[in-house]
Amino acid sequence: MAERNLIPYILTAVGSVVGTVAVLSYYGYVHFAKPQDALLLAEFTMLKTVPGEDYRLSLKPADQVAQCIDGVLVLFDTKQKGLTGVLVDDRKQAVRCMGQETPQVITE
């Protein structure tokens, strides 16, 4: 039996994996997360309001302020200047808001 040289097979496999990852990241299917991308600003809980039931809130306001920008709820931190973020749910879907009309492009 003749011996086979496995080096070309190994190099082909490694090259295929590197090439696949490069192409997928180029088209946006692979994203290498940075620590600042996943910064958790704060934890939030929605209190459901039921008519006739009392609920208690703290008199001290939160460190975040929310604003409706382009139909998405954006949070600004009042303690750390420049720290902003979009409010998302557990599936990373942006929380929409209806308090402000989104800017529209006027065509004549």
N, C-alpha and C. Protein backbone atom coordinates (compact mmCIF):
# COMPACT_ATOMS: atom_id res chain seq x y z
N MET A 1 0.84 -1.19 0.00
CA MET A 1 0.00 0.00 0.00
C MET A 1 0.88 1.24 0.00
N ALA A 2 0.52 2.14 -0.84
CA ALA A 2 1.26 3.39 -0.91
C ALA A 2 0.78 4.33 0.20
N GLU A 3 1.72 5.05 0.78
CA GLU A 3 1.35 6.02 1.82
C GLU A 3 0.81 7.28 1.17
N ARG A 4 -0.23 7.83 1.81
CA ARG A 4 -0.82 9.07 1.29
C ARG A 4 -0.27 10.24 2.10
N ASN A 5 -0.07 11.34 1.42
CA ASN A 5 0.37 12.56 2.08
C ASN A 5 -0.87 13.31 2.56
N LEU A 6 -1.06 13.41 3.88
CA LEU A 6 -2.26 14.03 4.44
C LEU A 6 -2.15 15.54 4.58
N ILE A 7 -0.99 16.10 4.39
CA ILE A 7 -0.81 17.54 4.56
C ILE A 7 -1.72 18.34 3.62
N PRO A 8 -1.83 18.01 2.34
CA PRO A 8 -2.75 18.79 1.48
C PRO A 8 -4.21 18.72 1.93
N TYR A 9 -4.63 17.57 2.44
CA TYR A 9 -6.01 17.45 2.94
C TYR A 9 -6.25 18.33 4.16
N ILE A 10 -5.29 18.34 5.07
CA ILE A 10 -5.41 19.17 6.28
C ILE A 10 -5.41 20.64 5.91
N LEU A 11 -4.51 21.05 5.03
CA LEU A 11 -4.47 22.46 4.61
C LEU A 11 -5.74 22.86 3.88
N THR A 12 -6.31 21.97 3.10
CA THR A 12 -7.56 22.25 2.40
C THR A 12 -8.71 22.42 3.39
N ALA A 13 -8.76 21.58 4.41
CA ALA A 13 -9.82 21.69 5.42
C ALA A 13 -9.70 22.99 6.20
N VAL A 14 -8.50 23.33 6.64
CA VAL A 14 -8.29 24.57 7.39
C VAL A 14 -8.59 25.78 6.51
N GLY A 15 -8.14 25.75 5.28
CA GLY A 15 -8.42 26.85 4.34
C GLY A 15 -9.90 27.01 4.06
N SER A 16 -10.62 25.89 3.97
CA SER A 16 -12.07 25.95 3.74
C SER A 16 -12.80 26.58 4.92
N VAL A 17 -12.40 26.22 6.14
CA VAL A 17 -13.03 26.81 7.32
C VAL A 17 -12.74 28.30 7.41
N VAL A 18 -11.49 28.69 7.20
CA VAL A 18 -11.12 30.11 7.26
C VAL A 18 -11.84 30.89 6.16
N GLY A 19 -11.89 30.33 4.96
CA GLY A 19 -12.58 31.01 3.86
C GLY A 19 -14.07 31.15 4.12
N THR A 20 -14.70 30.12 4.67
CA THR A 20 -16.13 30.17 4.98
C THR A 20 -16.43 31.23 6.02
N VAL A 21 -15.63 31.28 7.09
CA VAL A 21 -15.83 32.29 8.13
C VAL A 21 -15.61 33.69 7.56
N ALA A 22 -14.62 33.86 6.71
CA ALA A 22 -14.35 35.17 6.11
C ALA A 22 -15.52 35.64 5.24
N VAL A 23 -16.05 34.75 4.42
CA VAL A 23 -17.18 35.12 3.55
C VAL A 23 -18.43 35.41 4.39
N LEU A 24 -18.71 34.59 5.39
CA LEU A 24 -19.89 34.82 6.23
C LEU A 24 -19.78 36.12 7.02
N SER A 25 -18.60 36.44 7.50
CA SER A 25 -18.45 37.71 8.23
C SER A 25 -18.52 38.90 7.29
N TYR A 26 -18.04 38.75 6.06
CA TYR A 26 -18.13 39.83 5.07
C TYR A 26 -19.59 40.17 4.76
N TYR A 27 -20.43 39.17 4.64
CA TYR A 27 -21.84 39.40 4.33
C TYR A 27 -22.69 39.64 5.57
N GLY A 28 -22.11 39.68 6.75
CA GLY A 28 -22.82 40.05 7.96
C GLY A 28 -23.49 38.91 8.70
N TYR A 29 -23.21 37.68 8.33
CA TYR A 29 -23.82 36.54 9.02
C TYR A 29 -23.06 36.14 10.28
N VAL A 30 -21.81 36.56 10.38
CA VAL A 30 -21.00 36.27 11.56
C VAL A 30 -20.56 37.61 12.14
N HIS A 31 -20.78 37.79 13.42
CA HIS A 31 -20.38 39.02 14.09
C HIS A 31 -19.58 38.64 15.32
N PHE A 32 -18.36 39.15 15.41
CA PHE A 32 -17.53 38.90 16.57
C PHE A 32 -17.83 39.99 17.58
N ALA A 33 -18.49 39.61 18.67
CA ALA A 33 -18.95 40.57 19.66
C ALA A 33 -17.78 41.11 20.47
N LYS A 34 -17.86 42.40 20.74
CA LYS A 34 -16.90 43.06 21.61
C LYS A 34 -17.56 43.26 22.96
N PRO A 35 -16.79 43.40 24.02
CA PRO A 35 -17.39 43.59 25.35
C PRO A 35 -18.32 44.80 25.42
N GLN A 36 -18.01 45.87 24.72
CA GLN A 36 -18.87 47.06 24.77
C GLN A 36 -20.17 46.86 23.99
N ASP A 37 -20.23 45.87 23.10
CA ASP A 37 -21.47 45.60 22.37
C ASP A 37 -22.54 45.00 23.29
N ALA A 38 -22.13 44.24 24.27
CA ALA A 38 -23.08 43.52 25.12
C ALA A 38 -23.19 44.15 26.51
N LEU A 39 -22.90 45.43 26.61
CA LEU A 39 -22.97 46.09 27.90
C LEU A 39 -24.42 46.20 28.35
N LEU A 40 -24.71 45.64 29.51
CA LEU A 40 -26.05 45.69 30.07
C LEU A 40 -26.16 46.96 30.88
N LEU A 41 -27.01 47.86 30.43
CA LEU A 41 -27.15 49.15 31.10
C LEU A 41 -27.83 48.98 32.45
N ALA A 42 -28.95 48.31 32.49
CA ALA A 42 -29.68 48.06 33.73
C ALA A 42 -30.74 47.01 33.44
N GLU A 43 -31.29 46.43 34.49
CA GLU A 43 -32.37 45.47 34.34
C GLU A 43 -33.69 46.18 34.53
N PHE A 44 -34.67 45.83 33.70
CA PHE A 44 -35.97 46.47 33.77
C PHE A 44 -37.05 45.41 33.90
N THR A 45 -38.12 45.78 34.56
CA THR A 45 -39.28 44.91 34.72
C THR A 45 -40.52 45.73 34.40
N MET A 46 -41.43 45.15 33.63
CA MET A 46 -42.66 45.85 33.33
C MET A 46 -43.71 45.51 34.39
N LEU A 47 -44.30 46.53 34.97
CA LEU A 47 -45.37 46.33 35.93
C LEU A 47 -46.69 46.42 35.18
N LYS A 48 -47.45 45.38 35.23
CA LYS A 48 -48.75 45.36 34.56
C LYS A 48 -49.75 46.10 35.44
N THR A 49 -50.43 47.04 34.83
CA THR A 49 -51.44 47.80 35.58
C THR A 49 -52.80 47.14 35.38
N VAL A 50 -53.43 46.83 36.49
CA VAL A 50 -54.76 46.21 36.49
C VAL A 50 -55.71 47.19 37.17
N PRO A 51 -56.82 47.53 36.51
CA PRO A 51 -57.75 48.47 37.13
C PRO A 51 -58.23 47.98 38.49
N GLY A 52 -58.17 48.87 39.47
CA GLY A 52 -58.63 48.54 40.81
C GLY A 52 -57.56 47.99 41.73
N GLU A 53 -56.39 47.66 41.20
CA GLU A 53 -55.31 47.13 42.03
C GLU A 53 -54.25 48.21 42.22
N ASP A 54 -53.68 48.23 43.43
CA ASP A 54 -52.62 49.18 43.74
C ASP A 54 -51.26 48.56 43.45
N TYR A 55 -50.33 49.38 43.06
CA TYR A 55 -48.95 48.95 42.92
C TYR A 55 -48.06 50.06 43.46
N ARG A 56 -46.89 49.68 43.93
CA ARG A 56 -46.01 50.64 44.57
C ARG A 56 -44.78 50.89 43.71
N LEU A 57 -44.39 52.16 43.68
CA LEU A 57 -43.19 52.57 42.98
C LEU A 57 -42.31 53.36 43.93
N SER A 58 -41.02 53.36 43.68
CA SER A 58 -40.10 54.16 44.47
C SER A 58 -40.24 55.62 44.07
N LEU A 59 -40.09 56.51 45.03
CA LEU A 59 -40.14 57.93 44.73
C LEU A 59 -38.86 58.42 44.06
N LYS A 60 -37.77 57.68 44.27
CA LYS A 60 -36.49 58.04 43.64
C LYS A 60 -36.53 57.61 42.17
N PRO A 61 -36.25 58.52 41.24
CA PRO A 61 -36.28 58.14 39.83
C PRO A 61 -35.08 57.28 39.44
N ALA A 62 -35.22 56.58 38.35
CA ALA A 62 -34.14 55.73 37.83
C ALA A 62 -33.02 56.60 37.28
N ASP A 63 -31.86 55.97 37.07
CA ASP A 63 -30.70 56.69 36.53
C ASP A 63 -30.78 56.83 35.01
N GLN A 64 -31.82 56.29 34.40
CA GLN A 64 -31.95 56.35 32.95
C GLN A 64 -33.15 57.22 32.57
N VAL A 65 -33.02 57.85 31.40
CA VAL A 65 -34.09 58.65 30.83
C VAL A 65 -34.36 58.07 29.44
N ALA A 66 -35.64 57.90 29.10
CA ALA A 66 -35.99 57.32 27.80
C ALA A 66 -36.53 58.40 26.87
N GLN A 67 -36.26 58.22 25.60
CA GLN A 67 -36.76 59.14 24.58
C GLN A 67 -37.12 58.33 23.34
N CYS A 68 -38.17 58.74 22.68
CA CYS A 68 -38.61 58.07 21.46
C CYS A 68 -37.89 58.69 20.27
N ILE A 69 -37.04 57.91 19.61
CA ILE A 69 -36.30 58.39 18.45
C ILE A 69 -36.57 57.44 17.29
N ASP A 70 -37.14 57.97 16.24
CA ASP A 70 -37.47 57.17 15.04
C ASP A 70 -38.31 55.94 15.38
N GLY A 71 -39.20 56.06 16.35
CA GLY A 71 -40.10 54.98 16.70
C GLY A 71 -39.48 53.90 17.57
N VAL A 72 -38.27 54.12 18.09
CA VAL A 72 -37.58 53.16 18.95
C VAL A 72 -37.28 53.84 20.27
N LEU A 73 -37.46 53.11 21.37
CA LEU A 73 -37.21 53.66 22.70
C LEU A 73 -35.72 53.60 23.01
N VAL A 74 -35.11 54.79 23.15
CA VAL A 74 -33.67 54.90 23.41
C VAL A 74 -33.48 55.38 24.84
N LEU A 75 -32.56 54.70 25.56
CA LEU A 75 -32.27 55.06 26.95
C LEU A 75 -30.97 55.83 27.03
N PHE A 76 -30.99 56.88 27.84
CA PHE A 76 -29.80 57.66 28.12
C PHE A 76 -29.51 57.55 29.60
N ASP A 77 -28.26 57.24 29.96
CA ASP A 77 -27.87 57.13 31.36
C ASP A 77 -27.46 58.51 31.87
N THR A 78 -28.01 58.92 33.01
CA THR A 78 -27.72 60.25 33.55
C THR A 78 -26.46 60.27 34.39
N LYS A 79 -25.98 59.13 34.84
CA LYS A 79 -24.77 59.09 35.65
C LYS A 79 -23.51 58.99 34.79
N GLN A 80 -23.58 58.19 33.73
CA GLN A 80 -22.43 58.02 32.85
C GLN A 80 -22.72 58.74 31.54
N LYS A 81 -22.18 59.91 31.37
CA LYS A 81 -22.45 60.71 30.17
C LYS A 81 -21.97 59.97 28.93
N GLY A 82 -22.76 60.02 27.90
CA GLY A 82 -22.41 59.37 26.64
C GLY A 82 -22.84 57.93 26.54
N LEU A 83 -23.37 57.37 27.63
CA LEU A 83 -23.81 55.98 27.60
C LEU A 83 -25.28 55.94 27.19
N THR A 84 -25.54 55.45 26.00
CA THR A 84 -26.90 55.35 25.49
C THR A 84 -27.12 53.94 24.97
N GLY A 85 -28.37 53.57 24.82
CA GLY A 85 -28.68 52.26 24.29
C GLY A 85 -30.13 52.15 23.91
N VAL A 86 -30.43 51.16 23.11
CA VAL A 86 -31.80 50.89 22.67
C VAL A 86 -32.38 49.84 23.61
N LEU A 87 -33.59 50.06 24.08
CA LEU A 87 -34.26 49.10 24.95
C LEU A 87 -34.74 47.92 24.11
N VAL A 88 -34.29 46.71 24.48
CA VAL A 88 -34.66 45.49 23.75
C VAL A 88 -35.24 44.48 24.72
N ASP A 89 -35.96 43.51 24.16
CA ASP A 89 -36.50 42.44 24.99
C ASP A 89 -35.49 41.30 25.06
N ASP A 90 -35.89 40.17 25.61
CA ASP A 90 -34.96 39.06 25.79
C ASP A 90 -34.54 38.40 24.48
N ARG A 91 -35.24 38.71 23.38
CA ARG A 91 -34.87 38.17 22.07
C ARG A 91 -34.18 39.21 21.20
N LYS A 92 -33.70 40.29 21.84
CA LYS A 92 -32.96 41.37 21.17
C LYS A 92 -33.81 42.11 20.14
N GLN A 93 -35.13 42.18 20.38
CA GLN A 93 -36.02 42.95 19.52
C GLN A 93 -36.23 44.32 20.15
N ALA A 94 -36.10 45.36 19.37
CA ALA A 94 -36.21 46.72 19.88
C ALA A 94 -37.64 47.02 20.34
N VAL A 95 -37.74 47.72 21.47
CA VAL A 95 -39.04 48.13 21.99
C VAL A 95 -39.47 49.38 21.23
N ARG A 96 -40.61 49.31 20.59
CA ARG A 96 -41.13 50.43 19.80
C ARG A 96 -41.89 51.39 20.70
N CYS A 97 -42.01 52.64 20.24
CA CYS A 97 -42.78 53.62 21.00
C CYS A 97 -43.66 54.41 20.04
N MET A 98 -44.75 54.92 20.59
CA MET A 98 -45.72 55.65 19.77
C MET A 98 -45.87 57.08 20.25
N GLY A 99 -45.05 57.53 21.19
CA GLY A 99 -45.21 58.86 21.77
C GLY A 99 -44.81 59.98 20.86
N GLN A 100 -44.08 59.69 19.81
CA GLN A 100 -43.58 60.72 18.92
C GLN A 100 -43.67 60.20 17.50
N GLU A 101 -44.11 61.07 16.63
CA GLU A 101 -44.17 60.67 15.23
C GLU A 101 -42.77 60.54 14.66
N THR A 102 -42.56 59.54 13.84
CA THR A 102 -41.24 59.38 13.22
C THR A 102 -41.11 60.39 12.09
N PRO A 103 -39.93 60.95 11.92
CA PRO A 103 -39.74 61.93 10.84
C PRO A 103 -40.00 61.31 9.48
N GLN A 104 -40.70 62.02 8.65
CA GLN A 104 -41.02 61.54 7.32
C GLN A 104 -40.33 62.43 6.28
N VAL A 105 -39.91 61.83 5.19
CA VAL A 105 -39.32 62.61 4.11
C VAL A 105 -40.45 63.19 3.26
N ILE A 106 -40.42 64.49 3.08
CA ILE A 106 -41.47 65.16 2.31
C ILE A 106 -41.05 65.21 0.85
N THR A 107 -41.88 64.61 0.00
CA THR A 107 -41.62 64.64 -1.43
C THR A 107 -42.65 65.53 -2.08
N GLU A 108 -42.17 66.36 -2.99
CA GLU A 108 -43.09 67.30 -3.65
C GLU A 108 -43.32 66.90 -5.09
